[in-house]
C-alpha atoms as a PDB file:
ATOM      1  CA  MET A   1      -0.371  -0.106  -0.012  1.00  0.00           C
ATOM      2  CA  GLU A   2       2.820   2.508   0.835  1.00  0.00           C
ATOM      3  CA  GLU A   3       4.575   1.700  -2.427  1.00  0.00           C
ATOM      4  CA  THR A   4       1.145   3.027  -4.188  1.00  0.00           C
ATOM      5  CA  THR A   5       0.913   5.955  -2.264  1.00  0.00           C
ATOM      6  CA  THR A   6       4.340   7.186  -2.582  1.00  0.00           C
ATOM      7  CA  LYS A   7       4.866   5.792  -6.268  1.00  0.00           C
ATOM      8  CA  LYS A   8       5.734   9.312  -8.935  1.00  0.00           C
ATOM      9  CA  HIS A   9       3.839   9.129 -12.216  1.00  0.00           C
ATOM     10  CA  GLU A  10       4.849  12.243 -14.466  1.00  0.00           C
ATOM     11  CA  TYR A  11       2.322  13.155 -17.059  1.00  0.00           C
ATOM     12  CA  GLN A  12       3.046  15.133 -20.368  1.00  0.00           C
ATOM     13  CA  LEU A  13       0.974  17.826 -21.760  1.00  0.00           C
ATOM     14  CA  SER A  14       0.950  18.352 -25.707  1.00  0.00           C
ATOM     15  CA  TYR A  15      -0.440  20.066 -28.692  1.00  0.00           C
ATOM     16  CA  THR A  16      -0.729  18.466 -31.966  1.00  0.00           C
ATOM     17  CA  GLY A  17      -3.009  20.829 -34.063  1.00  0.00           C
ATOM     18  CA  LYS A  18      -1.850  22.218 -37.507  1.00  0.00           C
ATOM     19  CA  GLY A  19      -1.858  25.958 -38.671  1.00  0.00           C
ATOM     20  CA  GLY A  20      -3.370  24.669 -42.211  1.00  0.00           C
ATOM     21  CA  ASP A  21      -5.522  22.612 -40.600  1.00  0.00           C
ATOM     22  CA  PHE A  22      -6.616  25.361 -37.214  1.00  0.00           C
ATOM     23  CA  PHE A  23      -6.706  27.790 -40.568  1.00  0.00           C
ATOM     24  CA  SER A  24      -9.378  25.644 -43.437  1.00  0.00           C
ATOM     25  CA  ILE A  25     -11.564  25.437 -39.899  1.00  0.00           C
ATOM     26  CA  ILE A  26     -11.473  28.923 -39.351  1.00  0.00           C
ATOM     27  CA  ILE A  27     -12.258  29.812 -42.842  1.00  0.00           C
ATOM     28  CA  VAL A  28     -15.171  28.051 -43.246  1.00  0.00           C
ATOM     29  CA  ASN A  29     -16.889  28.770 -39.865  1.00  0.00           C
ATOM     30  CA  TRP A  30     -16.574  32.798 -40.803  1.00  0.00           C
ATOM     31  CA  LEU A  31     -18.400  32.114 -44.219  1.00  0.00           C
ATOM     32  CA  LEU A  32     -20.917  29.910 -42.921  1.00  0.00           C
ATOM     33  CA  THR A  33     -21.632  32.254 -40.234  1.00  0.00           C
ATOM     34  CA  LEU A  34     -21.208  35.035 -42.231  1.00  0.00           C
ATOM     35  CA  LEU A  35     -24.172  33.223 -45.047  1.00  0.00           C
ATOM     36  CA  THR A  36     -26.434  32.324 -42.109  1.00  0.00           C
ATOM     37  CA  LEU A  37     -26.573  36.374 -40.655  1.00  0.00           C
ATOM     38  CA  GLY A  38     -24.638  35.026 -37.632  1.00  0.00           C
ATOM     39  CA  LEU A  39     -26.959  32.117 -36.760  1.00  0.00           C
ATOM     40  CA  TYR A  40     -24.457  29.341 -37.751  1.00  0.00           C
ATOM     41  CA  TYR A  41     -21.846  30.335 -34.908  1.00  0.00           C
ATOM     42  CA  PRO A  42     -22.845  28.158 -32.310  1.00  0.00           C
ATOM     43  CA  TRP A  43     -21.796  25.214 -34.785  1.00  0.00           C
ATOM     44  CA  ALA A  44     -18.708  26.953 -35.723  1.00  0.00           C
ATOM     45  CA  LYS A  45     -17.846  27.139 -32.087  1.00  0.00           C
ATOM     46  CA  ALA A  46     -18.504  23.776 -31.162  1.00  0.00           C
ATOM     47  CA  LYS A  47     -16.751  22.151 -34.865  1.00  0.00           C
ATOM     48  CA  GLN A  48     -13.590  24.467 -33.272  1.00  0.00           C
ATOM     49  CA  LEU A  49     -13.574  23.344 -29.893  1.00  0.00           C
ATOM     50  CA  ASN A  50     -13.632  20.300 -31.134  1.00  0.00           C
ATOM     51  CA  TYR A  51     -10.729  20.239 -33.287  1.00  0.00           C
ATOM     52  CA  LEU A  52      -8.903  22.151 -30.150  1.00  0.00           C
ATOM     53  CA  TYR A  53      -9.741  19.514 -27.739  1.00  0.00           C
ATOM     54  CA  GLY A  54      -9.130  16.518 -29.484  1.00  0.00           C
ATOM     55  CA  GLU A  55      -5.507  17.554 -30.789  1.00  0.00           C
ATOM     56  CA  THR A  56      -4.947  18.636 -26.878  1.00  0.00           C
ATOM     57  CA  HIS A  57      -3.108  15.300 -25.378  1.00  0.00           C
ATOM     58  CA  LEU A  58      -2.640  13.801 -21.957  1.00  0.00           C
ATOM     59  CA  ASN A  59       0.470  11.340 -22.051  1.00  0.00           C
ATOM     60  CA  GLY A  60      -0.794  11.071 -25.815  1.00  0.00           C
ATOM     61  CA  ASP A  61      -4.760  10.339 -25.622  1.00  0.00           C
ATOM     62  CA  SER A  62      -6.752  13.813 -26.502  1.00  0.00           C
ATOM     63  CA  PHE A  63      -8.972  15.251 -24.762  1.00  0.00           C
ATOM     64  CA  ALA A  64     -12.622  15.296 -25.837  1.00  0.00           C
ATOM     65  CA  PHE A  65     -15.542  18.029 -26.110  1.00  0.00           C
ATOM     66  CA  HIS A  66     -18.960  16.598 -26.224  1.00  0.00           C
ATOM     67  CA  GLY A  67     -20.610  19.777 -26.752  1.00  0.00           C
ATOM     68  CA  THR A  68     -22.956  20.157 -29.948  1.00  0.00           C
ATOM     69  CA  GLY A  69     -24.298  23.399 -32.297  1.00  0.00           C
ATOM     70  CA  LYS A  70     -27.349  22.732 -31.580  1.00  0.00           C
ATOM     71  CA  GLU A  71     -26.676  22.621 -27.205  1.00  0.00           C
ATOM     72  CA  MET A  72     -25.324  25.933 -27.936  1.00  0.00           C
ATOM     73  CA  PHE A  73     -27.662  26.919 -30.571  1.00  0.00           C
ATOM     74  CA  LYS A  74     -30.400  26.596 -27.951  1.00  0.00           C
ATOM     75  CA  GLY A  75     -28.063  29.054 -25.099  1.00  0.00           C
ATOM     76  CA  PHE A  76     -27.272  31.765 -27.894  1.00  0.00           C
ATOM     77  CA  ILE A  77     -31.109  32.616 -28.587  1.00  0.00           C
ATOM     78  CA  LYS A  78     -31.205  32.784 -25.146  1.00  0.00           C
ATOM     79  CA  ALA A  79     -28.728  34.890 -24.390  1.00  0.00           C
ATOM     80  CA  LEU A  80     -30.018  36.744 -27.872  1.00  0.00           C
ATOM     81  CA  LEU A  81     -33.410  37.307 -25.662  1.00  0.00           C
ATOM     82  CA  ILE A  82     -31.891  38.364 -22.502  1.00  0.00           C
ATOM     83  CA  PHE A  83     -29.036  41.082 -24.127  1.00  0.00           C
ATOM     84  CA  GLY A  84     -31.973  42.175 -26.197  1.00  0.00           C
ATOM     85  CA  SER A  85     -34.369  42.645 -23.344  1.00  0.00           C
ATOM     86  CA  LEU A  86     -31.196  44.831 -21.894  1.00  0.00           C
ATOM     87  CA  TYR A  87     -31.659  46.970 -24.730  1.00  0.00           C
ATOM     88  CA  GLY A  88     -34.812  46.604 -25.268  1.00  0.00           C
ATOM     89  CA  THR A  89     -35.540  48.433 -21.151  1.00  0.00           C
ATOM     90  CA  LEU A  90     -32.877  50.629 -22.157  1.00  0.00           C
ATOM     91  CA  PHE A  91     -34.298  52.201 -25.481  1.00  0.00           C
ATOM     92  CA  LEU A  92     -37.806  51.911 -23.533  1.00  0.00           C
ATOM     93  CA  PHE A  93     -36.226  54.293 -20.707  1.00  0.00           C
ATOM     94  CA  ILE A  94     -34.748  56.895 -23.396  1.00  0.00           C
ATOM     95  CA  TYR A  95     -37.793  57.425 -25.059  1.00  0.00           C
ATOM     96  CA  LEU A  96     -39.398  58.273 -21.813  1.00  0.00           C
ATOM     97  CA  GLU A  97     -36.980  60.416 -21.762  1.00  0.00           C
ATOM     98  CA  MET A  98     -35.286  59.096 -18.570  1.00  0.00           C
ATOM     99  CA  PRO A  99     -31.722  58.162 -19.831  1.00  0.00           C
ATOM    100  CA  PHE A 100     -29.963  58.281 -16.629  1.00  0.00           C
ATOM    101  CA  VAL A 101     -32.239  55.653 -15.231  1.00  0.00           C
ATOM    102  CA  GLY A 102     -32.081  53.726 -18.161  1.00  0.00           C
ATOM    103  CA  LEU A 103     -28.254  53.874 -18.576  1.00  0.00           C
ATOM    104  CA  ILE A 104     -28.577  52.306 -14.418  1.00  0.00           C
ATOM    105  CA  ILE A 105     -30.450  49.855 -14.770  1.00  0.00           C
ATOM    106  CA  PHE A 106     -28.433  48.436 -18.300  1.00  0.00           C
ATOM    107  CA  TYR A 107     -24.964  48.283 -16.914  1.00  0.00           C
ATOM    108  CA  LEU A 108     -26.954  46.629 -13.294  1.00  0.00           C
ATOM    109  CA  GLY A 109     -28.178  43.916 -15.780  1.00  0.00           C
ATOM    110  CA  PHE A 110     -24.694  43.125 -17.445  1.00  0.00           C
ATOM    111  CA  LEU A 111     -23.113  43.506 -14.120  1.00  0.00           C
ATOM    112  CA  ALA A 112     -25.448  40.939 -12.718  1.00  0.00           C
ATOM    113  CA  LEU A 113     -24.848  38.346 -15.875  1.00  0.00           C
ATOM    114  CA  LEU A 114     -21.176  38.289 -14.977  1.00  0.00           C
ATOM    115  CA  PRO A 115     -21.475  35.686 -12.550  1.00  0.00           C
ATOM    116  CA  LEU A 116     -24.117  34.124 -13.993  1.00  0.00           C
ATOM    117  CA  ALA A 117     -21.927  33.535 -17.061  1.00  0.00           C
ATOM    118  CA  ILE A 118     -18.733  32.541 -15.298  1.00  0.00           C
ATOM    119  CA  HIS A 119     -20.267  29.878 -13.721  1.00  0.00           C
ATOM    120  CA  GLY A 120     -22.557  28.509 -16.582  1.00  0.00           C
ATOM    121  CA  SER A 121     -19.578  28.436 -18.576  1.00  0.00           C
ATOM    122  CA  TYR A 122     -17.837  26.553 -16.569  1.00  0.00           C
ATOM    123  CA  ARG A 123     -20.812  24.084 -15.778  1.00  0.00           C
ATOM    124  CA  TYR A 124     -21.113  23.477 -19.329  1.00  0.00           C
ATOM    125  CA  ARG A 125     -17.802  23.405 -20.662  1.00  0.00           C
ATOM    126  CA  MET A 126     -16.599  21.424 -17.994  1.00  0.00           C
ATOM    127  CA  SER A 127     -19.264  18.382 -18.302  1.00  0.00           C
ATOM    128  CA  ARG A 128     -18.694  18.224 -21.981  1.00  0.00           C
ATOM    129  CA  THR A 129     -15.036  17.634 -21.472  1.00  0.00           C
ATOM    130  CA  SER A 130     -13.764  14.570 -21.152  1.00  0.00           C
ATOM    131  CA  TRP A 131     -10.383  12.544 -21.028  1.00  0.00           C
ATOM    132  CA  ARG A 132     -10.239   9.252 -21.595  1.00  0.00           C
ATOM    133  CA  GLY A 133     -13.904   8.418 -21.232  1.00  0.00           C
ATOM    134  CA  ILE A 134     -13.744  10.289 -17.650  1.00  0.00           C
ATOM    135  CA  ARG A 135     -15.491  13.538 -17.872  1.00  0.00           C
ATOM    136  CA  PHE A 136     -14.936  16.584 -16.112  1.00  0.00           C
ATOM    137  CA  GLY A 137     -17.548  18.737 -14.084  1.00  0.00           C
ATOM    138  CA  TYR A 138     -18.106  21.825 -11.970  1.00  0.00           C
ATOM    139  CA  ARG A 139     -19.682  21.980  -8.523  1.00  0.00           C
ATOM    140  CA  GLY A 140     -19.721  25.626  -7.552  1.00  0.00           C
ATOM    141  CA  ASP A 141     -22.749  26.941  -6.134  1.00  0.00           C
ATOM    142  CA  ARG A 142     -24.602  29.664  -8.256  1.00  0.00           C
ATOM    143  CA  LYS A 143     -25.764  31.535  -5.251  1.00  0.00           C
ATOM    144  CA  GLU A 144     -22.773  31.612  -3.429  1.00  0.00           C
ATOM    145  CA  PHE A 145     -20.642  32.584  -6.005  1.00  0.00           C
ATOM    146  CA  THR A 146     -22.923  35.217  -7.005  1.00  0.00           C
ATOM    147  CA  LEU A 147     -22.778  36.481  -3.711  1.00  0.00           C
ATOM    148  CA  ASN A 148     -19.194  36.628  -2.975  1.00  0.00           C
ATOM    149  CA  PHE A 149     -18.769  38.010  -6.791  1.00  0.00           C
ATOM    150  CA  PHE A 150     -20.478  41.187  -5.811  1.00  0.00           C
ATOM    151  CA  LYS A 151     -18.929  40.790  -2.449  1.00  0.00           C
ATOM    152  CA  TRP A 152     -15.582  40.956  -4.325  1.00  0.00           C
ATOM    153  CA  ILE A 153     -16.433  43.966  -6.697  1.00  0.00           C
ATOM    154  CA  LEU A 154     -17.549  45.821  -3.169  1.00  0.00           C
ATOM    155  CA  LEU A 155     -14.737  45.318  -1.936  1.00  0.00           C
ATOM    156  CA  THR A 156     -13.083  46.545  -5.060  1.00  0.00           C
ATOM    157  CA  ILE A 157     -15.004  49.683  -5.789  1.00  0.00           C
ATOM    158  CA  VAL A 158     -14.155  50.956  -1.907  1.00  0.00           C
ATOM    159  CA  THR A 159     -10.782  50.613  -2.519  1.00  0.00           C
ATOM    160  CA  LEU A 160     -10.253  52.285  -5.802  1.00  0.00           C
ATOM    161  CA  GLY A 161      -9.348  49.284  -7.620  1.00  0.00           C
ATOM    162  CA  PHE A 162      -6.723  47.766  -5.503  1.00  0.00           C
ATOM    163  CA  TYR A 163      -8.800  45.077  -4.341  1.00  0.00           C
ATOM    164  CA  SER A 164      -8.845  44.104  -8.036  1.00  0.00           C
ATOM    165  CA  PHE A 165      -6.011  41.948  -7.401  1.00  0.00           C
ATOM    166  CA  TRP A 166      -7.458  39.678  -4.569  1.00  0.00           C
ATOM    167  CA  MET A 167     -10.591  39.416  -6.635  1.00  0.00           C
ATOM    168  CA  THR A 168      -9.270  37.926  -9.332  1.00  0.00           C
ATOM    169  CA  ILE A 169      -7.296  35.172  -6.726  1.00  0.00           C
ATOM    170  CA  ASN A 170     -10.237  34.847  -5.163  1.00  0.00           C
ATOM    171  CA  MET A 171     -12.041  34.224  -8.189  1.00  0.00           C
ATOM    172  CA  ARG A 172      -9.740  31.410  -9.836  1.00  0.00           C
ATOM    173  CA  ARG A 173      -9.894  29.932  -6.410  1.00  0.00           C
ATOM    174  CA  TYR A 174     -12.863  29.589  -5.792  1.00  0.00           C
ATOM    175  CA  VAL A 175     -13.741  28.224  -9.741  1.00  0.00           C
ATOM    176  CA  LEU A 176     -10.811  26.175 -10.157  1.00  0.00           C
ATOM    177  CA  GLY A 177     -11.349  24.948  -6.724  1.00  0.00           C
ATOM    178  CA  ASN A 178     -14.524  23.536  -7.843  1.00  0.00           C
ATOM    179  CA  VAL A 179     -13.516  22.171 -10.943  1.00  0.00           C
ATOM    180  CA  ARG A 180     -13.907  17.625 -10.520  1.00  0.00           C
ATOM    181  CA  PHE A 181     -11.749  15.620 -12.448  1.00  0.00           C
ATOM    182  CA  GLY A 182     -13.391  12.533 -12.092  1.00  0.00           C
ATOM    183  CA  ASP A 183     -13.109  11.359  -8.742  1.00  0.00           C
ATOM    184  CA  ALA A 184     -10.089  13.804  -8.078  1.00  0.00           C
ATOM    185  CA  GLU A 185     -10.680  17.802  -7.605  1.00  0.00           C
ATOM    186  CA  PHE A 186      -8.571  20.368  -8.042  1.00  0.00           C
ATOM    187  CA  ASN A 187      -6.928  23.100  -5.832  1.00  0.00           C
ATOM    188  CA  TYR A 188      -5.377  27.138  -6.682  1.00  0.00           C
ATOM    189  CA  SER A 189      -3.537  28.115  -3.565  1.00  0.00           C
ATOM    190  CA  GLY A 190      -2.685  31.971  -4.909  1.00  0.00           C
ATOM    191  CA  ASP A 191      -2.244  34.251  -3.043  1.00  0.00           C
ATOM    192  CA  GLY A 192      -3.683  37.729  -3.297  1.00  0.00           C
ATOM    193  CA  THR A 193      -1.076  39.560  -1.707  1.00  0.00           C
ATOM    194  CA  ASP A 194       1.719  37.898  -3.830  1.00  0.00           C
ATOM    195  CA  TYR A 195       0.089  38.662  -7.064  1.00  0.00           C
ATOM    196  CA  PHE A 196      -0.204  42.291  -6.087  1.00  0.00           C
ATOM    197  CA  PHE A 197       3.312  42.400  -5.758  1.00  0.00           C
ATOM    198  CA  LEU A 198       3.882  40.200  -8.990  1.00  0.00           C
ATOM    199  CA  TYR A 199       1.904  42.897 -11.002  1.00  0.00           C
ATOM    200  CA  ILE A 200       3.878  45.776  -9.144  1.00  0.00           C
ATOM    201  CA  LYS A 201       7.146  44.468  -9.911  1.00  0.00           C
ATOM    202  CA  GLY A 202       6.340  43.254 -13.755  1.00  0.00           C
ATOM    203  CA  TYR A 203       4.363  47.173 -14.467  1.00  0.00           C
ATOM    204  CA  PHE A 204       7.339  49.164 -12.991  1.00  0.00           C
ATOM    205  CA  LEU A 205      10.656  46.905 -14.759  1.00  0.00           C
ATOM    206  CA  SER A 206       8.351  47.174 -17.869  1.00  0.00           C
ATOM    207  CA  ILE A 207       8.193  50.497 -17.908  1.00  0.00           C
ATOM    208  CA  ILE A 208      11.706  51.236 -16.893  1.00  0.00           C
ATOM    209  CA  THR A 209      12.768  48.636 -19.812  1.00  0.00           C
ATOM    210  CA  PHE A 210      10.893  50.328 -22.286  1.00  0.00           C
ATOM    211  CA  GLY A 211       9.031  47.620 -22.351  1.00  0.00           C
ATOM    212  CA  ILE A 212      11.370  44.451 -23.119  1.00  0.00           C
ATOM    213  CA  TYR A 213      10.234  42.861 -19.651  1.00  0.00           C
ATOM    214  CA  MET A 214       6.462  42.770 -20.331  1.00  0.00           C
ATOM    215  CA  PHE A 215       7.812  39.480 -21.818  1.00  0.00           C
ATOM    216  CA  TRP A 216       9.680  38.278 -18.555  1.00  0.00           C
ATOM    217  CA  TRP A 217       6.395  39.792 -16.664  1.00  0.00           C
ATOM    218  CA  GLN A 218       3.820  37.113 -18.757  1.00  0.00           C
ATOM    219  CA  LYS A 219       6.177  34.540 -17.834  1.00  0.00           C
ATOM    220  CA  ASP A 220       5.887  34.891 -14.207  1.00  0.00           C
ATOM    221  CA  LEU A 221       2.233  35.564 -14.762  1.00  0.00           C
ATOM    222  CA  PHE A 222       2.103  32.015 -16.359  1.00  0.00           C
ATOM    223  CA  ASP A 223       4.645  30.452 -13.710  1.00  0.00           C
ATOM    224  CA  TYR A 224       2.014  31.463 -10.908  1.00  0.00           C
ATOM    225  CA  TYR A 225      -0.837  30.701 -12.715  1.00  0.00           C
ATOM    226  CA  VAL A 226       0.186  27.512 -13.354  1.00  0.00           C
ATOM    227  CA  SER A 227       2.439  26.489 -10.241  1.00  0.00           C
ATOM    228  CA  ASN A 228      -0.569  27.269  -8.048  1.00  0.00           C
ATOM    229  CA  LEU A 229      -2.565  24.725  -9.787  1.00  0.00           C
ATOM    230  CA  SER A 230      -3.255  20.650  -8.646  1.00  0.00           C
ATOM    231  CA  LEU A 231      -5.333  18.017  -8.568  1.00  0.00           C
ATOM    232  CA  HIS A 232      -5.748  15.938  -5.148  1.00  0.00           C
ATOM    233  CA  LYS A 233      -7.210  12.738  -4.759  1.00  0.00           C
ATOM    234  CA  ASP A 234      -7.841  11.728  -1.077  1.00  0.00           C
ATOM    235  CA  ASP A 235      -4.370  12.270   0.563  1.00  0.00           C
ATOM    236  CA  LYS A 236      -2.305  12.512  -3.541  1.00  0.00           C
ATOM    237  CA  GLU A 237      -1.541  15.159  -5.235  1.00  0.00           C
ATOM    238  CA  LEU A 238      -0.513  15.986  -8.872  1.00  0.00           C
ATOM    239  CA  GLN A 239       1.555  18.891  -9.064  1.00  0.00           C
ATOM    240  CA  LEU A 240       1.452  21.018 -12.239  1.00  0.00           C
ATOM    241  CA  THR A 241       4.897  23.368 -12.629  1.00  0.00           C
ATOM    242  CA  SER A 242       5.934  25.521 -15.774  1.00  0.00           C
ATOM    243  CA  THR A 243       9.018  25.600 -17.383  1.00  0.00           C
ATOM    244  CA  ALA A 244       8.684  28.675 -19.497  1.00  0.00           C
ATOM    245  CA  THR A 245      11.385  31.376 -19.928  1.00  0.00           C
ATOM    246  CA  GLY A 246      11.169  34.982 -20.594  1.00  0.00           C
ATOM    247  CA  GLY A 247      13.470  34.571 -23.535  1.00  0.00           C
ATOM    248  CA  ASP A 248      10.975  31.882 -25.079  1.00  0.00           C
ATOM    249  CA  PHE A 249       7.917  34.423 -24.556  1.00  0.00           C
ATOM    250  CA  LEU A 250      10.047  37.466 -26.122  1.00  0.00           C
ATOM    251  CA  THR A 251      10.510  34.845 -28.948  1.00  0.00           C
ATOM    252  CA  LEU A 252       6.982  33.595 -29.262  1.00  0.00           C
ATOM    253  CA  GLY A 253       6.093  37.102 -28.993  1.00  0.00           C
ATOM    254  CA  ILE A 254       8.004  38.993 -31.536  1.00  0.00           C
ATOM    255  CA  THR A 255       7.135  36.173 -33.953  1.00  0.00           C
ATOM    256  CA  ASN A 256       4.270  35.798 -33.686  1.00  0.00           C
ATOM    257  CA  LEU A 257       3.544  39.326 -33.902  1.00  0.00           C
ATOM    258  CA  LEU A 258       5.715  39.452 -37.364  1.00  0.00           C
ATOM    259  CA  ILE A 259       3.177  36.462 -38.797  1.00  0.00           C
ATOM    260  CA  LEU A 260      -0.079  39.035 -38.225  1.00  0.00           C
ATOM    261  CA  ILE A 261       1.825  41.673 -39.503  1.00  0.00           C
ATOM    262  CA  PHE A 262       3.140  40.062 -42.849  1.00  0.00           C
ATOM    263  CA  THR A 263      -0.141  38.065 -43.357  1.00  0.00           C
ATOM    264  CA  LEU A 264      -2.669  41.113 -42.970  1.00  0.00           C
ATOM    265  CA  GLY A 265      -3.619  38.994 -39.655  1.00  0.00           C
ATOM    266  CA  LEU A 266      -4.552  35.568 -41.847  1.00  0.00           C
ATOM    267  CA  GLY A 267      -1.953  33.452 -39.700  1.00  0.00           C
ATOM    268  CA  TYR A 268      -4.041  33.821 -36.665  1.00  0.00           C
ATOM    269  CA  ALA A 269      -4.139  30.360 -36.890  1.00  0.00           C
ATOM    270  CA  TRP A 270      -0.929  29.467 -37.353  1.00  0.00           C
ATOM    271  CA  VAL A 271      -0.052  31.913 -33.925  1.00  0.00           C
ATOM    272  CA  ALA A 272      -2.851  30.701 -32.075  1.00  0.00           C
ATOM    273  CA  THR A 273      -1.250  26.801 -32.833  1.00  0.00           C
ATOM    274  CA  ARG A 274       1.994  27.883 -32.023  1.00  0.00           C
ATOM    275  CA  THR A 275       1.054  29.675 -28.286  1.00  0.00           C
ATOM    276  CA  MET A 276      -1.309  26.617 -27.928  1.00  0.00           C
ATOM    277  CA  LYS A 277       1.964  24.156 -28.188  1.00  0.00           C
ATOM    278  CA  TYR A 278       4.452  26.555 -26.510  1.00  0.00           C
ATOM    279  CA  ILE A 279       2.041  26.694 -23.580  1.00  0.00           C
ATOM    280  CA  PHE A 280       0.888  22.720 -23.180  1.00  0.00           C
ATOM    281  CA  ASP A 281       4.426  21.996 -23.854  1.00  0.00           C
ATOM    282  CA  HIS A 282       6.183  23.785 -21.088  1.00  0.00           C
ATOM    283  CA  ILE A 283       3.566  22.818 -18.343  1.00  0.00           C
ATOM    284  CA  GLU A 284       5.052  19.436 -16.299  1.00  0.00           C
ATOM    285  CA  ILE A 285       2.696  17.673 -13.993  1.00  0.00           C
ATOM    286  CA  GLU A 286       4.268  14.958 -11.486  1.00  0.00           C
ATOM    287  CA  GLY A 287       2.622  13.163  -7.875  1.00  0.00           C
ATOM    288  CA  ASN A 288       1.328  10.381  -6.920  1.00  0.00           C
ATOM    289  CA  ILE A 289      -2.309   9.896  -8.096  1.00  0.00           C
ATOM    290  CA  ASP A 290      -2.945   7.840 -11.274  1.00  0.00           C
ATOM    291  CA  LEU A 291      -4.716   8.911 -13.734  1.00  0.00           C
ATOM    292  CA  ASP A 292      -5.757   5.168 -14.807  1.00  0.00           C
ATOM    293  CA  ASN A 293      -7.181   4.455 -11.821  1.00  0.00           C
ATOM    294  CA  LEU A 294     -10.163   7.475 -11.594  1.00  0.00           C
ATOM    295  CA  THR A 295     -13.462   6.929 -11.469  1.00  0.00           C
ATOM    296  CA  GLN A 296     -17.110   8.655 -13.036  1.00  0.00           C
ATOM    297  CA  THR A 297     -17.840  11.178 -10.806  1.00  0.00           C
ATOM    298  CA  GLU A 298     -19.488  14.114 -12.693  1.00  0.00           C
ATOM    299  CA  GLU A 299     -22.732  14.348 -14.864  1.00  0.00           C
ATOM    300  CA  ASN A 300     -23.885  15.891 -18.417  1.00  0.00           C
ATOM    301  CA  PHE A 301     -25.225  19.564 -17.877  1.00  0.00           C
ATOM    302  CA  LYS A 302     -26.346  20.317 -21.323  1.00  0.00           C
ATOM    303  CA  ASP A 303     -27.042  24.093 -20.880  1.00  0.00           C
ATOM    304  CA  ALA A 304     -25.527  26.075 -22.513  1.00  0.00           C
ATOM    305  CA  THR A 305     -26.976  29.584 -22.047  1.00  0.00           C
ATOM    306  CA  GLY A 306     -23.798  30.572 -19.593  1.00  0.00           C
ATOM    307  CA  GLU A 307     -21.449  29.676 -22.361  1.00  0.00           C
ATOM    308  CA  ASP A 308     -23.216  31.774 -24.829  1.00  0.00           C
ATOM    309  CA  ILE A 309     -23.773  35.072 -22.676  1.00  0.00           C
ATOM    310  CA  SER A 310     -20.015  34.566 -21.430  1.00  0.00           C
ATOM    311  CA  ASP A 311     -19.545  34.834 -25.541  1.00  0.00           C
ATOM    312  CA  PHE A 312     -21.300  37.990 -25.436  1.00  0.00           C
ATOM    313  CA  LEU A 313     -19.459  39.790 -23.128  1.00  0.00           C
ATOM    314  CA  ASP A 314     -16.377  38.248 -24.255  1.00  0.00           C
ATOM    315  CA  LEU A 315     -15.053  36.788 -21.071  1.00  0.00           C
ATOM    316  CA  GLY A 316     -12.165  34.796 -21.418  1.00  0.00           C
ATOM    317  CA  PHE A 317     -13.045  31.230 -20.312  1.00  0.00           C
ATOM    318  CA  ILE A 318     -10.001  30.391 -17.800  1.00  0.00           C
ATOM    319  CA  ILE A 319     -10.043  33.315 -15.281  1.00  0.00           C
END
């Protein structure tokens, strides 16, 4: 039993997608979305996610995205109705010559949607993701997260924005801490104070070096995000570690910028592919959890409304 508990396992993430393949998917999706006046968007997103997940591997086995265009289309329609109601309310108060009241309701409505979008997108995306047939899941409580979100927003306003660093870490800790991978659970151990000083250091050094340190700042933030994330099962743990360097981020950033400039933006697919490959190649996972022994505990959740609201609000999926 002791040998099983202490045996070390190493896992390697990798991305095998090709820029040309991704480009063809993006172009077809763009054309079909344009021809259908936007209605094809949910199917376009599903196709893109299917490709990205399928080309992402853990120890040679690919992840899978099980969401469908039909599921996301239903969420898309709900999101349209929600945003249509907000804009309709705004125009109504403008018509009633009370634009200030309309704007207050409009922006409060948008603010209220933020925690619902984050919670809903994680619940949907995690439940539709699997590896070797074992599903991910998200067990956060919508009411609890919403109350916490507005408490953090209030503290950010009261402190004139300074609390935003702690708010960011609190959100990561809550959301990622409620992500499950079969019967294992993630944990994020970042601290707001550390994140604040890391940000201040990066900001001032970037100014002093006329922006050159920005790439090392990006590397530090990547290290901090990755190295504070771990997976737990009973008394066992898998720890994620970053092997990225500032020089690599510099080379990656400059090369990607040149690709976008000289292709007039058409090289985006190659830029995205190079970036994803670099990120996954520079994350090491080590610990005493045997992922072959994970058991299925999570259920499917097919309501993609939160996912689509998140798209409308242009929120990044990972906080």
